[in-house]
PDB file of N, CA and C in Angstrom:
ATOM      1  N   UNK A   1       6.972  22.577  19.776  1.00  0.00           N
ATOM      2  CA  UNK A   1       7.040  22.770  18.320  1.00  0.00           C
ATOM      3  C   UNK A   1       7.669  21.542  17.652  1.00  0.00           C
ATOM      4  N   UNK A   2       8.870  21.185  18.096  1.00  0.00           N
ATOM      5  CA  UNK A   2       9.555  20.037  17.493  1.00  0.00           C
ATOM      6  C   UNK A   2       8.755  18.748  17.679  1.00  0.00           C
ATOM      7  N   UNK A   3       8.083  18.654  18.834  1.00  0.00           N
ATOM      8  CA  UNK A   3       7.281  17.466  19.127  1.00  0.00           C
ATOM      9  C   UNK A   3       6.203  17.309  18.068  1.00  0.00           C
ATOM     10  N   UNK A   4       5.553  18.423  17.728  1.00  0.00           N
ATOM     11  CA  UNK A   4       4.461  18.389  16.751  1.00  0.00           C
ATOM     12  C   UNK A   4       4.988  17.991  15.374  1.00  0.00           C
ATOM     13  N   UNK A   5       6.122  18.534  15.004  1.00  0.00           N
ATOM     14  CA  UNK A   5       6.719  18.218  13.701  1.00  0.00           C
ATOM     15  C   UNK A   5       7.030  16.729  13.622  1.00  0.00           C
ATOM     16  N   UNK A   6       7.585  16.195  14.704  1.00  0.00           N
ATOM     17  CA  UNK A   6       7.909  14.766  14.740  1.00  0.00           C
ATOM     18  C   UNK A   6       6.646  13.928  14.611  1.00  0.00           C
ATOM     19  N   UNK A   7       5.591  14.333  15.307  1.00  0.00           N
ATOM     20  CA  UNK A   7       4.330  13.590  15.267  1.00  0.00           C
ATOM     21  C   UNK A   7       3.750  13.593  13.856  1.00  0.00           C
ATOM     22  N   UNK A   8       3.786  14.744  13.204  1.00  0.00           N
ATOM     23  CA  UNK A   8       3.264  14.864  11.840  1.00  0.00           C
ATOM     24  C   UNK A   8       4.096  14.008  10.884  1.00  0.00           C
ATOM     25  N   UNK A   9       5.410  14.048  11.056  1.00  0.00           N
ATOM     26  CA  UNK A   9       6.298  13.264  10.199  1.00  0.00           C
ATOM     27  C   UNK A   9       6.043  11.771  10.384  1.00  0.00           C
ATOM     28  N   UNK A  10       5.865  11.342  11.629  1.00  0.00           N
ATOM     29  CA  UNK A  10       5.603   9.933  11.912  1.00  0.00           C
ATOM     30  C   UNK A  10       4.272   9.524  11.305  1.00  0.00           C
ATOM     31  N   UNK A  11       3.293  10.410  11.392  1.00  0.00           N
ATOM     32  CA  UNK A  11       1.963  10.134  10.850  1.00  0.00           C
ATOM     33  C   UNK A  11       2.026  10.008   9.329  1.00  0.00           C
ATOM     34  N   UNK A  12       2.763  10.898   8.689  1.00  0.00           N
ATOM     35  CA  UNK A  12       2.901  10.866   7.232  1.00  0.00           C
ATOM     36  C   UNK A  12       3.624   9.588   6.817  1.00  0.00           C
ATOM     37  N   UNK A  13       4.637   9.220   7.588  1.00  0.00           N
ATOM     38  CA  UNK A  13       5.408   8.012   7.300  1.00  0.00           C
ATOM     39  C   UNK A  13       4.512   6.786   7.388  1.00  0.00           C
ATOM     40  N   UNK A  14       3.634   6.774   8.390  1.00  0.00           N
ATOM     41  CA  UNK A  14       2.736   5.643   8.596  1.00  0.00           C
ATOM     42  C   UNK A  14       1.752   5.527   7.443  1.00  0.00           C
ATOM     43  N   UNK A  15       1.137   6.632   7.056  1.00  0.00           N
ATOM     44  CA  UNK A  15       0.150   6.582   5.976  1.00  0.00           C
ATOM     45  C   UNK A  15       0.820   6.263   4.645  1.00  0.00           C
ATOM     46  N   UNK A  16       2.064   6.701   4.485  1.00  0.00           N
ATOM     47  CA  UNK A  16       2.796   6.401   3.251  1.00  0.00           C
ATOM     48  C   UNK A  16       3.052   4.901   3.160  1.00  0.00           C
ATOM     49  N   UNK A  17       3.497   4.321   4.285  1.00  0.00           N
ATOM     50  CA  UNK A  17       3.766   2.885   4.322  1.00  0.00           C
ATOM     51  C   UNK A  17       2.475   2.104   4.088  1.00  0.00           C
ATOM     52  N   UNK A  18       1.381   2.617   4.641  1.00  0.00           N
ATOM     53  CA  UNK A  18       0.072   1.990   4.471  1.00  0.00           C
ATOM     54  C   UNK A  18      -0.317   1.996   2.994  1.00  0.00           C
ATOM     55  N   UNK A  19      -0.086   3.131   2.341  1.00  0.00           N
ATOM     56  CA  UNK A  19      -0.416   3.273   0.920  1.00  0.00           C
ATOM     57  C   UNK A  19       0.423   2.316   0.083  1.00  0.00           C
ATOM     58  N   UNK A  20       1.708   2.238   0.389  1.00  0.00           N
ATOM     59  CA  UNK A  20       2.609   1.354  -0.356  1.00  0.00           C
ATOM     60  C   UNK A  20       2.181  -0.100  -0.189  1.00  0.00           C
ATOM     61  N   UNK A  21       1.829  -0.486   1.055  1.00  0.00           N
ATOM     62  CA  UNK A  21       1.387  -1.861   1.301  1.00  0.00           C
ATOM     63  C   UNK A  21       0.126  -2.163   0.510  1.00  0.00           C
ATOM     64  N   UNK A  22      -0.799  -1.204   0.501  1.00  0.00           N
ATOM     65  CA  UNK A  22      -2.055  -1.394  -0.231  1.00  0.00           C
ATOM     66  C   UNK A  22      -1.777  -1.561  -1.720  1.00  0.00           C
ATOM     67  N   UNK A  23      -0.875  -0.723  -2.250  1.00  0.00           N
ATOM     68  CA  UNK A  23      -0.538  -0.804  -3.670  1.00  0.00           C
ATOM     69  C   UNK A  23       0.126  -2.140  -4.007  1.00  0.00           C
ATOM     70  N   UNK A  24       1.003  -2.603  -3.111  1.00  0.00           N
ATOM     71  CA  UNK A  24       1.673  -3.885  -3.340  1.00  0.00           C
ATOM     72  C   UNK A  24       0.668  -5.025  -3.352  1.00  0.00           C
ATOM     73  N   UNK A  25      -0.255  -5.003  -2.393  1.00  0.00           N
ATOM     74  CA  UNK A  25      -1.278  -6.046  -2.332  1.00  0.00           C
ATOM     75  C   UNK A  25      -2.124  -6.016  -3.593  1.00  0.00           C
ATOM     76  N   UNK A  26      -2.499  -4.811  -4.028  1.00  0.00           N
ATOM     77  CA  UNK A  26      -3.320  -4.665  -5.232  1.00  0.00           C
ATOM     78  C   UNK A  26      -2.560  -5.190  -6.446  1.00  0.00           C
ATOM     79  N   UNK A  27      -1.285  -4.828  -6.536  1.00  0.00           N
ATOM     80  CA  UNK A  27      -0.463  -5.257  -7.673  1.00  0.00           C
ATOM     81  C   UNK A  27      -0.314  -6.775  -7.693  1.00  0.00           C
ATOM     82  N   UNK A  28      -0.039  -7.364  -6.536  1.00  0.00           N
ATOM     83  CA  UNK A  28       0.115  -8.822  -6.476  1.00  0.00           C
ATOM     84  C   UNK A  28      -1.187  -9.503  -6.875  1.00  0.00           C
ATOM     85  N   UNK A  29      -2.294  -8.949  -6.415  1.00  0.00           N
ATOM     86  CA  UNK A  29      -3.597  -9.531  -6.730  1.00  0.00           C
ATOM     87  C   UNK A  29      -3.861  -9.466  -8.230  1.00  0.00           C
ATOM     88  N   UNK A  30      -3.415  -8.380  -8.862  1.00  0.00           N
ATOM     89  CA  UNK A  30      -3.670  -8.210 -10.285  1.00  0.00           C
ATOM     90  C   UNK A  30      -2.612  -8.872 -11.163  1.00  0.00           C
ATOM     91  N   UNK A  31      -1.484  -9.240 -10.565  1.00  0.00           N
ATOM     92  CA  UNK A  31      -0.431  -9.890 -11.345  1.00  0.00           C
ATOM     93  C   UNK A  31      -0.563 -11.403 -11.319  1.00  0.00           C
ATOM     94  N   UNK A  32      -1.457 -11.899 -10.437  1.00  0.00           N
ATOM     95  CA  UNK A  32      -1.693 -13.341 -10.404  1.00  0.00           C
ATOM     96  C   UNK A  32      -2.231 -13.732 -11.772  1.00  0.00           C
ATOM     97  N   UNK A  33      -1.656 -14.778 -12.341  1.00  0.00           N
ATOM     98  CA  UNK A  33      -2.066 -15.208 -13.682  1.00  0.00           C
ATOM     99  C   UNK A  33      -3.532 -15.614 -13.687  1.00  0.00           C
ATOM    100  N   UNK A  34      -4.271 -15.038 -14.606  1.00  0.00           N
ATOM    101  CA  UNK A  34      -5.693 -15.340 -14.719  1.00  0.00           C
ATOM    102  C   UNK A  34      -5.977 -15.886 -16.115  1.00  0.00           C
ATOM    103  N   UNK A  35      -6.972 -16.742 -16.204  1.00  0.00           N
ATOM    104  CA  UNK A  35      -7.338 -17.247 -17.526  1.00  0.00           C
ATOM    105  C   UNK A  35      -8.229 -16.215 -18.214  1.00  0.00           C
ATOM    106  N   UNK A  36      -8.693 -16.516 -19.408  1.00  0.00           N
ATOM    107  CA  UNK A  36      -9.456 -15.544 -20.184  1.00  0.00           C
ATOM    108  C   UNK A  36     -10.765 -15.132 -19.514  1.00  0.00           C
ATOM    109  N   UNK A  37     -11.283 -15.960 -18.602  1.00  0.00           N
ATOM    110  CA  UNK A  37     -12.521 -15.604 -17.908  1.00  0.00           C
ATOM    111  C   UNK A  37     -12.241 -14.757 -16.673  1.00  0.00           C
ATOM    112  N   UNK A  38     -10.964 -14.524 -16.381  1.00  0.00           N
ATOM    113  CA  UNK A  38     -10.611 -13.710 -15.233  1.00  0.00           C
ATOM    114  C   UNK A  38     -10.506 -14.500 -13.939  1.00  0.00           C
ATOM    115  N   UNK A  39     -10.555 -15.823 -14.044  1.00  0.00           N
ATOM    116  CA  UNK A  39     -10.410 -16.642 -12.842  1.00  0.00           C
ATOM    117  C   UNK A  39      -8.935 -16.881 -12.559  1.00  0.00           C
ATOM    118  N   UNK A  40      -8.605 -17.008 -11.272  1.00  0.00           N
ATOM    119  CA  UNK A  40      -7.223 -17.304 -10.918  1.00  0.00           C
ATOM    120  C   UNK A  40      -6.875 -18.693 -11.405  1.00  0.00           C
ATOM    121  N   UNK A  41      -5.684 -18.826 -11.965  1.00  0.00           N
ATOM    122  CA  UNK A  41      -5.260 -20.130 -12.481  1.00  0.00           C
ATOM    123  C   UNK A  41      -4.539 -20.889 -11.366  1.00  0.00           C
TER     124      UNK A  41
END
């Protein structure tokens, strides 16, 4: 029982970290200064 709970918790932790990393990458990509045409400066 406890083993399963630990496995689920570890899995949730992993996917949460994955989501946060994805959001950070997306945010950094969108925060890069772009000119009016949308090209990276």
